[in-house]
N, C-alpha and C. Protein backbone atom coordinates (compact mmCIF):
# COMPACT_ATOMS: atom_id res chain seq x y z
N MET A 1 49.59 143.23 135.02
CA MET A 1 49.27 141.86 134.88
C MET A 1 49.12 141.47 136.75
N THR A 2 48.18 140.58 137.02
CA THR A 2 47.80 140.75 138.70
C THR A 2 47.83 139.27 138.69
N ALA A 3 48.16 139.20 139.96
CA ALA A 3 47.94 137.76 140.45
C ALA A 3 47.01 137.39 141.40
N PRO A 4 46.09 136.56 141.72
CA PRO A 4 45.28 136.86 142.57
C PRO A 4 45.66 136.88 143.98
N GLY A 5 45.22 137.65 144.68
CA GLY A 5 45.25 137.67 146.34
C GLY A 5 46.26 138.96 146.30
N LEU A 6 47.00 139.53 144.94
CA LEU A 6 47.91 140.34 145.10
C LEU A 6 47.55 141.35 144.12
N GLY A 7 48.23 142.51 144.35
CA GLY A 7 48.48 143.82 143.60
C GLY A 7 48.69 143.47 142.23
N ALA A 8 49.08 144.59 141.47
CA ALA A 8 49.72 144.56 140.34
C ALA A 8 50.84 144.51 140.14
N VAL A 9 51.15 143.22 138.90
CA VAL A 9 52.98 143.36 139.37
C VAL A 9 53.49 144.27 137.97
N ASP A 10 54.28 144.73 138.22
CA ASP A 10 55.15 145.74 136.93
C ASP A 10 56.18 144.57 136.17
N PRO A 11 55.57 144.66 135.40
CA PRO A 11 56.72 144.09 134.61
C PRO A 11 57.81 143.95 134.59
N ASP A 12 58.51 145.10 134.54
CA ASP A 12 60.05 145.63 134.45
C ASP A 12 60.79 145.18 136.18
N ALA A 13 60.33 145.58 136.70
CA ALA A 13 60.74 145.03 138.24
C ALA A 13 60.78 143.37 138.09
N ALA A 14 59.38 142.71 137.57
CA ALA A 14 60.01 141.17 137.47
C ALA A 14 60.84 141.58 136.74
N ARG A 15 61.41 141.77 135.83
CA ARG A 15 62.47 141.61 134.87
C ARG A 15 63.83 141.55 135.31
N ARG A 16 64.04 142.89 136.31
CA ARG A 16 64.94 143.44 137.02
C ARG A 16 65.24 142.15 137.58
N VAL A 17 64.17 141.83 138.33
CA VAL A 17 64.28 140.38 139.75
C VAL A 17 65.07 139.27 138.55
N ALA A 18 63.82 138.52 137.94
CA ALA A 18 64.64 137.90 136.99
C ALA A 18 65.64 137.74 136.90
N LYS A 19 66.42 138.82 136.31
CA LYS A 19 68.14 138.56 135.54
C LYS A 19 69.05 139.10 136.85
N GLY A 20 68.10 139.32 138.08
CA GLY A 20 69.21 138.83 139.06
C GLY A 20 69.52 138.05 139.78
N ILE A 21 68.43 137.08 139.30
CA ILE A 21 68.83 135.79 139.56
C ILE A 21 69.66 134.88 139.01
N LEU A 22 69.18 134.93 137.83
CA LEU A 22 70.40 134.40 136.69
C LEU A 22 71.29 134.59 136.55
N ALA A 23 72.12 136.49 136.85
CA ALA A 23 73.00 136.59 136.90
C ALA A 23 73.86 136.22 138.54
N ASP A 24 73.35 135.04 139.21
CA ASP A 24 74.28 134.37 140.24
C ASP A 24 75.01 133.52 139.40
N ARG A 25 76.33 132.80 140.39
CA ARG A 25 77.57 132.29 139.34
C ARG A 25 77.39 130.98 139.31
N ARG A 26 75.98 130.42 140.60
CA ARG A 26 75.44 129.46 140.26
C ARG A 26 74.88 128.69 138.50
N TYR A 27 74.40 129.87 138.24
CA TYR A 27 73.56 129.43 136.62
C TYR A 27 74.79 129.66 135.60
N HIS A 28 75.69 129.77 136.12
CA HIS A 28 76.75 129.50 134.47
C HIS A 28 78.14 128.63 134.93
N PRO A 29 78.27 127.93 133.79
CA PRO A 29 79.24 126.95 134.01
C PRO A 29 80.72 127.97 134.16
N HIS A 30 81.85 127.20 135.05
CA HIS A 30 82.98 127.59 135.06
C HIS A 30 84.21 127.55 134.30
N GLN A 31 84.62 128.10 133.75
CA GLN A 31 85.58 127.82 132.57
C GLN A 31 86.93 128.66 133.05
N GLY A 32 88.34 127.45 133.27
CA GLY A 32 89.12 128.26 133.62
C GLY A 32 90.38 128.42 132.54
N PRO A 33 90.91 129.26 133.25
CA PRO A 33 92.02 129.88 132.03
C PRO A 33 92.29 128.62 130.94
N LYS A 34 92.57 129.16 129.77
CA LYS A 34 93.15 127.76 128.61
C LYS A 34 94.12 128.58 128.22
N PRO A 35 95.61 128.76 128.71
CA PRO A 35 96.80 128.96 128.40
C PRO A 35 97.15 128.44 126.91
N PHE A 36 97.01 127.16 126.65
CA PHE A 36 97.37 126.48 125.92
C PHE A 36 96.42 126.08 124.52
N ALA A 37 94.80 126.50 124.93
CA ALA A 37 94.26 126.90 123.37
C ALA A 37 94.91 127.12 122.43
N GLY A 38 95.54 127.92 121.84
CA GLY A 38 95.94 128.23 120.78
C GLY A 38 97.04 127.57 120.23
N PHE A 39 97.73 127.06 121.49
CA PHE A 39 98.73 126.39 120.94
C PHE A 39 98.15 124.81 120.20
N PHE A 40 97.61 124.07 121.08
CA PHE A 40 97.17 123.15 120.66
C PHE A 40 96.65 123.12 119.28
N ARG A 41 95.40 124.19 118.84
CA ARG A 41 94.65 124.54 117.97
C ARG A 41 95.82 124.90 117.08
N ARG A 42 96.66 125.00 116.88
CA ARG A 42 98.37 125.20 116.08
C ARG A 42 98.53 124.15 115.42
N LEU A 43 98.96 123.35 116.82
CA LEU A 43 99.44 121.76 116.80
C LEU A 43 98.84 120.97 115.65
N GLY A 44 97.06 120.94 115.92
CA GLY A 44 96.04 120.27 114.76
C GLY A 44 96.27 120.80 113.59
N GLU A 45 96.63 122.03 113.54
CA GLU A 45 96.30 122.13 112.36
C GLU A 45 97.73 121.77 111.10
N LEU A 46 98.53 121.98 111.93
CA LEU A 46 100.30 121.41 111.24
C LEU A 46 100.17 119.89 111.27
N VAL A 47 99.91 119.18 112.39
CA VAL A 47 100.02 117.64 112.31
C VAL A 47 98.86 116.98 112.10
N VAL A 48 98.05 116.93 112.95
CA VAL A 48 96.49 116.44 113.10
C VAL A 48 95.63 116.69 111.57
N ASP A 49 95.73 117.84 111.29
CA ASP A 49 95.00 118.39 109.77
C ASP A 49 95.76 117.44 108.56
N PRO A 50 96.73 117.30 108.48
CA PRO A 50 97.66 116.68 107.71
C PRO A 50 97.26 115.12 107.16
N VAL A 51 97.44 114.43 108.65
CA VAL A 51 97.58 112.83 108.73
C VAL A 51 96.19 112.46 107.94
N LEU A 52 95.27 113.56 108.49
CA LEU A 52 93.66 113.15 107.82
C LEU A 52 93.38 113.02 106.81
N ARG A 53 93.72 114.55 105.95
CA ARG A 53 94.01 114.92 104.85
C ARG A 53 94.48 113.17 104.18
N PHE A 54 95.84 112.98 104.40
CA PHE A 54 96.31 111.48 103.95
C PHE A 54 95.66 110.39 103.60
N PHE A 55 94.60 110.38 105.22
CA PHE A 55 94.28 108.83 104.76
C PHE A 55 92.97 109.42 104.19
N ARG A 56 92.75 110.26 104.28
CA ARG A 56 91.16 110.21 103.25
C ARG A 56 91.47 110.70 101.99
N ALA A 57 92.74 110.34 101.10
CA ALA A 57 93.38 110.21 99.78
C ALA A 57 93.59 109.22 99.66
N ILE A 58 93.99 108.39 100.32
CA ILE A 58 93.99 106.68 101.03
C ILE A 58 92.78 105.89 100.27
N GLY A 59 92.14 106.45 101.51
CA GLY A 59 90.85 105.91 101.12
C GLY A 59 90.27 105.84 99.55
N ASP A 60 90.06 107.41 99.39
CA ASP A 60 89.49 107.84 98.04
C ASP A 60 90.21 107.05 96.87
N ALA A 61 91.60 106.57 96.59
CA ALA A 61 92.24 106.10 96.00
C ALA A 61 91.82 104.81 95.72
N LEU A 62 91.74 104.02 97.05
CA LEU A 62 91.70 102.25 97.01
C LEU A 62 89.89 102.21 96.58
N PRO A 63 89.97 101.01 96.11
CA PRO A 63 88.96 100.30 95.49
C PRO A 63 87.81 100.57 96.78
N SER A 64 86.61 100.02 96.71
CA SER A 64 85.64 100.14 97.19
C SER A 64 85.65 98.58 97.66
N VAL A 65 85.16 98.53 99.39
CA VAL A 65 84.87 96.96 99.56
C VAL A 65 84.36 96.13 98.90
N GLY A 66 84.49 94.88 98.13
CA GLY A 66 83.20 94.06 97.53
C GLY A 66 83.81 94.28 95.88
N SER A 67 84.25 95.65 95.70
CA SER A 67 84.55 95.58 94.15
C SER A 67 85.20 94.78 93.71
N PRO A 68 85.40 94.03 92.62
CA PRO A 68 86.50 93.16 91.73
C PRO A 68 88.10 93.16 92.63
N LEU A 69 88.21 94.75 92.19
CA LEU A 69 89.45 95.22 91.97
C LEU A 69 90.16 95.14 93.82
N TRP A 70 88.83 95.43 94.56
CA TRP A 70 89.44 94.96 95.88
C TRP A 70 89.18 93.49 96.37
N LEU A 71 88.55 92.47 95.79
CA LEU A 71 88.58 91.23 95.69
C LEU A 71 89.72 90.36 95.26
N ALA A 72 90.24 91.32 94.19
CA ALA A 72 91.47 90.84 93.81
C ALA A 72 92.62 91.13 94.86
N LEU A 73 93.19 92.64 95.15
CA LEU A 73 93.77 92.70 95.90
C LEU A 73 94.18 91.81 96.75
N ALA A 74 92.72 91.61 97.90
CA ALA A 74 92.20 90.41 99.10
C ALA A 74 93.04 89.36 98.77
N ALA A 75 92.76 88.65 97.35
CA ALA A 75 93.44 87.13 97.39
C ALA A 75 94.69 87.66 96.78
N VAL A 76 95.51 88.80 96.51
CA VAL A 76 97.10 88.34 96.61
C VAL A 76 97.77 88.77 98.23
N VAL A 77 97.15 89.32 98.48
CA VAL A 77 97.76 89.49 100.17
C VAL A 77 97.33 88.03 100.66
N VAL A 78 96.32 87.23 100.42
CA VAL A 78 95.81 86.05 101.21
C VAL A 78 96.93 84.99 100.67
N ALA A 79 97.02 85.01 99.05
CA ALA A 79 97.80 84.11 98.42
C ALA A 79 99.93 84.12 99.37
N ALA A 80 100.01 85.56 99.45
CA ALA A 80 101.40 85.97 99.72
C ALA A 80 101.45 85.37 101.14
N ALA A 81 100.58 85.73 101.86
CA ALA A 81 100.21 85.21 103.33
C ALA A 81 100.44 83.65 103.34
N VAL A 82 99.97 82.85 102.52
CA VAL A 82 99.96 81.20 102.25
C VAL A 82 101.35 80.64 102.21
N VAL A 83 101.97 81.80 101.46
CA VAL A 83 103.37 81.24 100.53
C VAL A 83 104.84 81.38 101.67
N LEU A 84 104.31 82.29 101.94
CA LEU A 84 105.41 82.55 103.64
C LEU A 84 104.95 82.39 104.25
N THR A 85 103.76 81.55 104.72
CA THR A 85 103.65 80.61 106.05
C THR A 85 104.51 79.12 105.44
N ILE A 86 104.01 78.78 104.56
CA ILE A 86 104.48 77.45 104.11
C ILE A 86 106.02 77.64 104.54
N ARG A 87 107.04 78.52 103.56
CA ARG A 87 108.35 78.56 103.73
C ARG A 87 108.51 78.82 105.05
N LEU A 88 107.75 79.63 106.23
CA LEU A 88 108.61 79.46 107.19
C LEU A 88 108.51 77.81 108.01
N SER A 89 106.93 77.43 107.72
CA SER A 89 106.92 75.89 108.41
C SER A 89 108.25 75.10 108.19
N ALA A 90 108.72 75.09 106.86
CA ALA A 90 109.90 74.65 105.75
C ALA A 90 110.85 74.31 106.75
N SER A 91 111.52 75.78 107.03
CA SER A 91 112.37 76.20 107.15
C SER A 91 112.57 75.99 109.32
N ARG A 92 111.89 75.90 109.72
CA ARG A 92 111.45 75.79 110.86
C ARG A 92 111.29 73.90 111.19
N GLY A 93 111.08 73.49 110.72
CA GLY A 93 110.70 71.85 110.11
C GLY A 93 112.22 71.64 110.28
N ARG A 94 113.13 72.12 109.03
CA ARG A 94 114.45 71.82 108.68
C ARG A 94 115.67 71.96 109.77
N GLN A 95 115.23 73.11 110.88
CA GLN A 95 116.10 73.84 111.62
C GLN A 95 115.81 72.64 113.16
N ARG A 96 114.52 71.97 113.49
CA ARG A 96 114.18 71.30 114.37
C ARG A 96 114.84 69.69 114.33
N MET A 97 114.89 69.47 113.20
CA MET A 97 116.18 68.70 113.04
C MET A 97 116.99 68.27 113.61
N PRO A 98 117.33 66.97 114.43
CA PRO A 98 118.74 66.68 114.99
C PRO A 98 119.62 66.32 114.82
N GLY A 99 120.46 68.02 115.40
CA GLY A 99 122.09 67.79 115.02
C GLY A 99 121.86 68.72 113.68
N GLY A 100 120.62 69.42 113.53
CA GLY A 100 120.76 70.78 112.52
C GLY A 100 121.34 72.30 113.05
N GLY A 101 120.99 72.50 113.69
CA GLY A 101 121.64 74.19 114.11
C GLY A 101 121.33 75.01 113.03
N ARG A 102 122.47 75.69 113.02
CA ARG A 102 123.15 76.34 111.72
C ARG A 102 124.01 75.40 111.04
N PRO A 103 123.61 75.52 109.10
CA PRO A 103 124.32 75.02 108.53
C PRO A 103 125.83 74.88 108.14
N THR A 104 126.10 73.77 108.16
CA THR A 104 127.65 73.56 108.42
C THR A 104 128.22 73.71 106.60
N ALA A 105 128.87 72.88 106.42
CA ALA A 105 129.98 72.75 104.72
C ALA A 105 128.71 72.59 104.09
N ALA A 106 129.30 72.69 102.75
CA ALA A 106 128.08 72.68 101.48
C ALA A 106 128.19 71.33 101.78
N GLY A 107 126.56 71.13 101.31
CA GLY A 107 126.10 69.47 100.96
C GLY A 107 125.23 69.29 102.80
N ASP A 108 124.24 68.43 102.65
CA ASP A 108 123.89 67.64 103.50
C ASP A 108 123.84 66.36 103.44
N SER A 109 124.85 65.92 103.48
CA SER A 109 125.07 64.01 103.46
C SER A 109 124.59 63.75 104.31
N LEU A 110 124.24 62.31 104.28
CA LEU A 110 123.58 61.72 104.96
C LEU A 110 124.97 60.43 105.50
N ASP A 111 126.11 60.31 104.54
CA ASP A 111 126.75 59.19 104.69
C ASP A 111 127.61 59.29 106.18
N PRO A 112 127.78 58.89 107.29
CA PRO A 112 128.20 59.25 108.25
C PRO A 112 130.03 58.79 108.24
N ASP A 113 130.67 58.19 106.98
CA ASP A 113 131.84 58.43 107.38
C ASP A 113 132.38 59.66 106.71
N ASP A 114 130.99 60.46 105.81
CA ASP A 114 131.70 61.54 105.06
C ASP A 114 131.37 62.71 105.89
N LEU A 115 129.97 62.91 106.72
CA LEU A 115 130.25 63.72 107.51
C LEU A 115 131.10 63.35 108.89
N GLU A 116 131.86 62.26 109.36
CA GLU A 116 132.75 62.04 109.82
C GLU A 116 134.39 62.44 109.63
N ARG A 117 134.34 62.82 108.21
CA ARG A 117 135.62 62.82 107.49
C ARG A 117 135.61 64.69 107.50
N ARG A 118 134.43 64.84 107.39
CA ARG A 118 134.29 66.60 107.30
C ARG A 118 134.44 67.16 108.72
N ALA A 119 133.48 66.70 109.68
CA ALA A 119 134.17 67.24 111.23
C ALA A 119 135.59 67.01 111.57
N ASP A 120 136.56 65.62 110.95
CA ASP A 120 138.13 65.89 111.38
C ASP A 120 138.82 67.33 110.73
N GLU A 121 138.02 67.56 109.24
CA GLU A 121 138.85 68.65 108.45
C GLU A 121 138.53 70.00 109.15
N ALA A 122 137.29 69.95 110.00
CA ALA A 122 136.65 71.60 110.51
C ALA A 122 137.44 71.31 111.96
N GLU A 123 137.46 70.45 112.79
CA GLU A 123 138.73 70.41 113.75
C GLU A 123 139.79 70.93 113.43
N ARG A 124 140.72 70.31 112.36
CA ARG A 124 141.60 70.79 112.21
C ARG A 124 141.90 72.18 111.67
N ARG A 125 141.06 72.66 111.35
CA ARG A 125 141.10 74.34 110.97
C ARG A 125 140.65 75.36 111.97
N GLY A 126 140.31 74.62 112.81
CA GLY A 126 139.56 75.60 114.44
C GLY A 126 138.65 75.50 114.55
N ASP A 127 137.49 74.99 113.54
CA ASP A 127 135.71 75.45 113.29
C ASP A 127 135.14 74.17 114.59
N LEU A 128 135.84 74.35 115.62
CA LEU A 128 135.01 73.48 116.92
C LEU A 128 133.33 72.93 116.55
N ASP A 129 133.07 74.27 116.18
CA ASP A 129 131.42 74.36 116.51
C ASP A 129 130.70 73.34 115.21
N ALA A 130 131.24 73.46 113.90
CA ALA A 130 131.19 72.69 112.67
C ALA A 130 131.79 71.42 112.85
N ALA A 131 132.61 70.81 113.67
CA ALA A 131 133.25 69.53 113.92
C ALA A 131 131.91 69.06 114.85
N LEU A 132 131.12 69.77 116.25
CA LEU A 132 130.64 69.18 116.96
C LEU A 132 129.32 69.12 116.49
N ARG A 133 128.77 69.74 115.39
CA ARG A 133 127.89 69.59 114.75
C ARG A 133 127.94 68.31 113.90
N LEU A 134 128.88 68.47 112.96
CA LEU A 134 128.88 67.30 111.95
C LEU A 134 129.36 66.09 112.49
N ARG A 135 129.66 66.23 113.57
CA ARG A 135 129.90 63.89 114.56
C ARG A 135 128.60 64.12 114.96
N PHE A 136 127.48 64.82 115.55
CA PHE A 136 126.44 64.48 116.12
C PHE A 136 125.95 64.07 115.26
N ARG A 137 125.81 64.77 113.66
CA ARG A 137 124.91 64.05 112.39
C ARG A 137 124.98 62.92 112.39
N ALA A 138 126.16 62.60 112.27
CA ALA A 138 127.16 61.65 112.06
C ALA A 138 127.02 60.35 113.00
N GLY A 139 126.90 60.50 114.17
CA GLY A 139 126.05 59.55 114.95
C GLY A 139 124.80 59.49 114.89
N LEU A 140 123.91 60.43 114.85
CA LEU A 140 122.35 60.15 114.81
C LEU A 140 122.52 58.94 113.70
N VAL A 141 123.16 59.47 112.24
CA VAL A 141 122.56 58.45 111.47
C VAL A 141 123.25 57.09 111.87
N ARG A 142 124.32 57.05 112.52
CA ARG A 142 124.85 55.37 112.47
C ARG A 142 123.78 55.24 113.71
N LEU A 143 122.92 55.81 114.48
CA LEU A 143 121.84 55.32 115.33
C LEU A 143 120.67 54.86 114.21
N ALA A 144 120.35 55.48 113.06
CA ALA A 144 119.39 55.26 112.15
C ALA A 144 119.86 54.10 111.80
N ASP A 145 121.06 54.03 110.89
CA ASP A 145 121.64 52.80 110.20
C ASP A 145 121.14 51.65 111.16
N ALA A 146 121.75 51.36 112.62
CA ALA A 146 121.33 50.23 113.55
C ALA A 146 120.06 50.41 113.53
N GLY A 147 119.18 50.74 113.39
CA GLY A 147 117.67 50.13 113.69
C GLY A 147 117.23 50.93 115.06
N ALA A 148 117.92 51.60 115.46
CA ALA A 148 117.64 52.08 117.39
C ALA A 148 116.70 53.67 117.03
N VAL A 149 116.75 54.98 116.08
CA VAL A 149 115.63 55.53 115.88
C VAL A 149 115.57 55.76 114.59
N ARG A 150 114.57 56.69 114.06
CA ARG A 150 113.88 57.16 112.66
C ARG A 150 113.94 58.20 112.81
N LEU A 151 115.07 58.90 111.60
CA LEU A 151 115.39 60.55 111.35
C LEU A 151 114.18 60.86 110.83
N ARG A 152 113.51 61.47 111.05
CA ARG A 152 112.27 62.70 109.97
C ARG A 152 112.20 63.65 110.86
N PRO A 153 111.37 64.21 109.88
CA PRO A 153 110.91 66.13 110.23
C PRO A 153 110.54 65.77 111.45
N GLY A 154 111.20 66.93 112.46
CA GLY A 154 110.37 67.52 113.72
C GLY A 154 110.93 66.26 114.77
N LEU A 155 112.04 65.20 114.79
CA LEU A 155 112.76 64.63 115.54
C LEU A 155 113.18 65.44 116.32
N THR A 156 113.59 65.36 117.59
CA THR A 156 114.03 66.22 118.74
C THR A 156 115.39 65.37 119.05
N ASN A 157 116.31 65.83 119.67
CA ASN A 157 117.18 65.23 121.09
C ASN A 157 116.40 64.57 122.42
N ALA A 158 115.49 65.41 122.51
CA ALA A 158 114.69 64.25 123.65
C ALA A 158 113.74 63.57 122.92
N ALA A 159 113.24 63.59 122.20
CA ALA A 159 113.01 62.27 121.71
C ALA A 159 113.77 60.90 121.44
N VAL A 160 114.93 61.01 120.91
CA VAL A 160 115.98 60.36 120.57
C VAL A 160 116.21 59.94 122.08
N SER A 161 116.68 60.98 123.19
CA SER A 161 116.97 60.32 124.61
C SER A 161 115.77 59.41 124.95
N ARG A 162 114.66 59.70 124.96
CA ARG A 162 113.56 58.94 125.67
C ARG A 162 114.02 57.78 124.80
N THR A 163 114.39 57.46 123.58
CA THR A 163 114.26 55.98 123.23
C THR A 163 115.45 55.36 123.52
N LEU A 164 116.31 55.95 123.37
CA LEU A 164 118.06 55.24 123.82
C LEU A 164 117.67 54.77 125.41
N ARG A 165 117.39 55.84 126.12
CA ARG A 165 117.77 55.66 127.97
C ARG A 165 119.14 55.13 127.84
N SER A 166 120.07 56.52 127.73
CA SER A 166 121.66 56.06 127.61
C SER A 166 121.91 57.67 127.97
N PRO A 167 122.67 57.31 129.28
CA PRO A 167 123.18 58.74 129.88
C PRO A 167 124.17 59.44 128.87
N HIS A 168 125.24 58.63 127.94
CA HIS A 168 126.31 59.11 127.43
C HIS A 168 125.52 60.25 126.28
N PHE A 169 124.56 59.68 125.94
CA PHE A 169 123.81 60.62 124.81
C PHE A 169 122.90 61.41 125.09
N ASP A 170 122.34 61.50 126.63
CA ASP A 170 121.92 62.65 127.16
C ASP A 170 123.31 63.74 127.22
N GLU A 171 124.40 63.13 127.50
CA GLU A 171 125.47 64.41 127.73
C GLU A 171 125.92 64.72 126.10
N LEU A 172 125.75 63.82 125.48
CA LEU A 172 126.63 63.94 124.01
C LEU A 172 125.22 65.95 123.79
N ALA A 173 124.33 65.25 124.16
CA ALA A 173 123.19 65.84 123.47
C ALA A 173 123.28 67.29 123.90
N GLY A 174 123.23 67.32 125.78
CA GLY A 174 123.28 68.79 126.08
C GLY A 174 124.28 69.13 125.71
N HIS A 175 125.73 68.81 125.34
CA HIS A 175 126.52 69.68 125.21
C HIS A 175 126.54 70.72 123.54
N PHE A 176 126.13 69.24 123.00
CA PHE A 176 125.53 69.80 121.37
C PHE A 176 124.45 71.21 121.45
N ASP A 177 123.37 70.95 122.59
CA ASP A 177 122.31 71.97 122.64
C ASP A 177 122.95 73.60 122.81
N GLU A 178 124.05 73.23 123.83
CA GLU A 178 124.39 74.51 124.25
C GLU A 178 125.08 74.75 123.46
N VAL A 179 125.66 74.26 122.35
CA VAL A 179 126.45 74.73 121.28
C VAL A 179 125.57 75.08 120.09
N ALA A 180 124.71 74.29 119.72
CA ALA A 180 124.15 74.18 118.09
C ALA A 180 122.78 75.91 118.73
N TYR A 181 122.22 75.70 119.62
CA TYR A 181 120.77 76.44 119.99
C TYR A 181 121.24 77.58 121.46
N GLY A 182 122.33 77.23 122.10
CA GLY A 182 122.76 77.99 122.91
C GLY A 182 123.36 79.64 123.00
N GLY A 183 124.12 79.32 122.01
CA GLY A 183 125.44 80.17 121.53
C GLY A 183 126.41 80.11 122.55
N ARG A 184 127.28 78.72 122.94
CA ARG A 184 128.29 78.60 123.90
C ARG A 184 128.84 77.87 122.94
N PRO A 185 130.00 78.56 122.57
CA PRO A 185 130.98 78.21 121.84
C PRO A 185 131.66 76.55 121.90
N ALA A 186 131.89 75.94 121.32
CA ALA A 186 132.58 74.69 121.39
C ALA A 186 133.57 74.58 122.09
N SER A 187 134.04 73.58 122.92
CA SER A 187 135.21 73.83 123.36
C SER A 187 136.46 72.82 122.65
N GLU A 188 137.47 72.38 123.23
CA GLU A 188 138.11 70.87 122.48
C GLU A 188 137.91 70.10 123.11
N SER A 189 137.28 69.98 124.68
CA SER A 189 136.68 69.07 125.41
C SER A 189 135.53 68.52 125.02
N ASP A 190 134.70 69.41 124.12
CA ASP A 190 133.24 68.85 123.88
C ASP A 190 133.74 68.25 122.31
N VAL A 191 134.76 68.26 121.72
CA VAL A 191 134.65 67.51 120.20
C VAL A 191 135.58 65.97 120.61
N VAL A 192 136.60 66.16 121.38
CA VAL A 192 137.11 65.25 121.87
C VAL A 192 136.32 63.90 122.57
N ALA A 193 135.20 64.91 123.38
CA ALA A 193 134.49 63.83 123.85
C ALA A 193 133.10 63.10 123.03
N ALA A 194 132.93 64.03 122.04
CA ALA A 194 132.31 63.24 121.14
C ALA A 194 132.87 62.34 119.91
N ARG A 195 134.11 62.57 119.78
CA ARG A 195 135.05 61.58 119.36
C ARG A 195 135.17 60.49 120.14
N ALA A 196 135.01 60.42 120.99
CA ALA A 196 135.04 59.16 122.26
C ALA A 196 133.78 58.63 122.48
N THR A 197 133.45 59.12 122.22
CA THR A 197 131.80 58.69 122.88
C THR A 197 130.74 57.91 122.26
N TRP A 198 130.77 59.03 120.92
CA TRP A 198 130.10 58.12 120.12
C TRP A 198 130.00 56.94 119.81
N PRO A 199 130.90 56.47 119.31
CA PRO A 199 131.32 54.62 118.98
C PRO A 199 130.46 53.96 120.11
N GLY A 200 130.42 54.54 121.47
CA GLY A 200 129.80 53.33 122.26
C GLY A 200 128.41 53.87 122.29
N VAL A 201 127.84 54.77 122.24
CA VAL A 201 126.38 54.90 122.31
C VAL A 201 126.08 54.03 121.36
N VAL A 202 126.68 54.53 119.81
CA VAL A 202 125.94 53.24 118.62
C VAL A 202 126.09 51.91 118.82
N GLU A 203 127.32 51.69 119.19
CA GLU A 203 127.39 49.82 119.63
C GLU A 203 126.58 49.47 120.60
N ALA A 204 125.72 50.48 121.94
CA ALA A 204 124.98 50.27 122.79
C ALA A 204 123.40 50.21 122.28
N ALA A 205 123.11 51.17 121.50
CA ALA A 205 121.81 51.20 120.65
C ALA A 205 121.56 49.73 119.50
N ARG A 206 122.57 49.67 118.88
CA ARG A 206 123.02 48.82 118.31
C ARG A 206 122.10 47.23 119.10
N ALA A 207 122.94 47.11 119.81
CA ALA A 207 122.93 45.84 120.41
C ALA A 207 121.19 45.79 120.61
N THR A 208 121.68 46.95 121.90
CA THR A 208 119.37 47.09 121.86
C THR A 208 118.50 46.81 121.08
N ALA A 209 119.04 47.50 119.66
CA ALA A 209 118.16 46.88 118.56
C ALA A 209 117.96 45.71 118.50
N GLY A 210 119.20 45.23 118.23
CA GLY A 210 119.26 43.79 117.74
C GLY A 210 118.31 42.36 118.74
N THR A 211 118.13 43.18 120.31
CA THR A 211 117.46 42.09 121.03
C THR A 211 116.23 42.19 121.27
N ARG A 212 115.42 43.22 120.28
CA ARG A 212 113.92 43.64 120.13
C ARG A 212 113.66 43.14 119.14
N ARG A 213 114.53 42.37 117.82
CA ARG A 213 114.02 41.85 116.59
C ARG A 213 113.94 40.53 117.17
């Protein structure tokens, strides 16, 4: 082998020079020690591989996307979701009714006299929370009977307050919300105030409603 202007080149010498150059560390990536390589490899065999095999087995067992069985399963899931949504919506609607809170005694009577009678019974047995709820519900029913408000799903105490513009009702509603929704136990003073204040609130609302007719 002869280069122009140069003498003959020894192939063996050229290979030795090239080998020496390529042996330089610049041409070899540095790999640090891997003391945990065996540990992670074993961990993958014990944990990751079984998980992957499990999901592959599930995928093999499930019907392929677009098949009749897959469409039937999807329809069942959608139907179940719709039913659950409807039930939750109905439950929330009931809970948002003013005077709702947690269930009181059996039955959902809308007779204010019956509600107040049950409130008196609850007060005598020491269930002040139930007494306050029942008396609040009775007051709302009397407001509806007086034509001051219209009870409906979704009606809130704030909406009733905007209609009545009564500081006395606002105070009653504030105590009720603290007990029914805030978790504060009802006190004897709450029950006494409800019993004493509701008749005046209803009478004032009835008088206001009468002037509007």
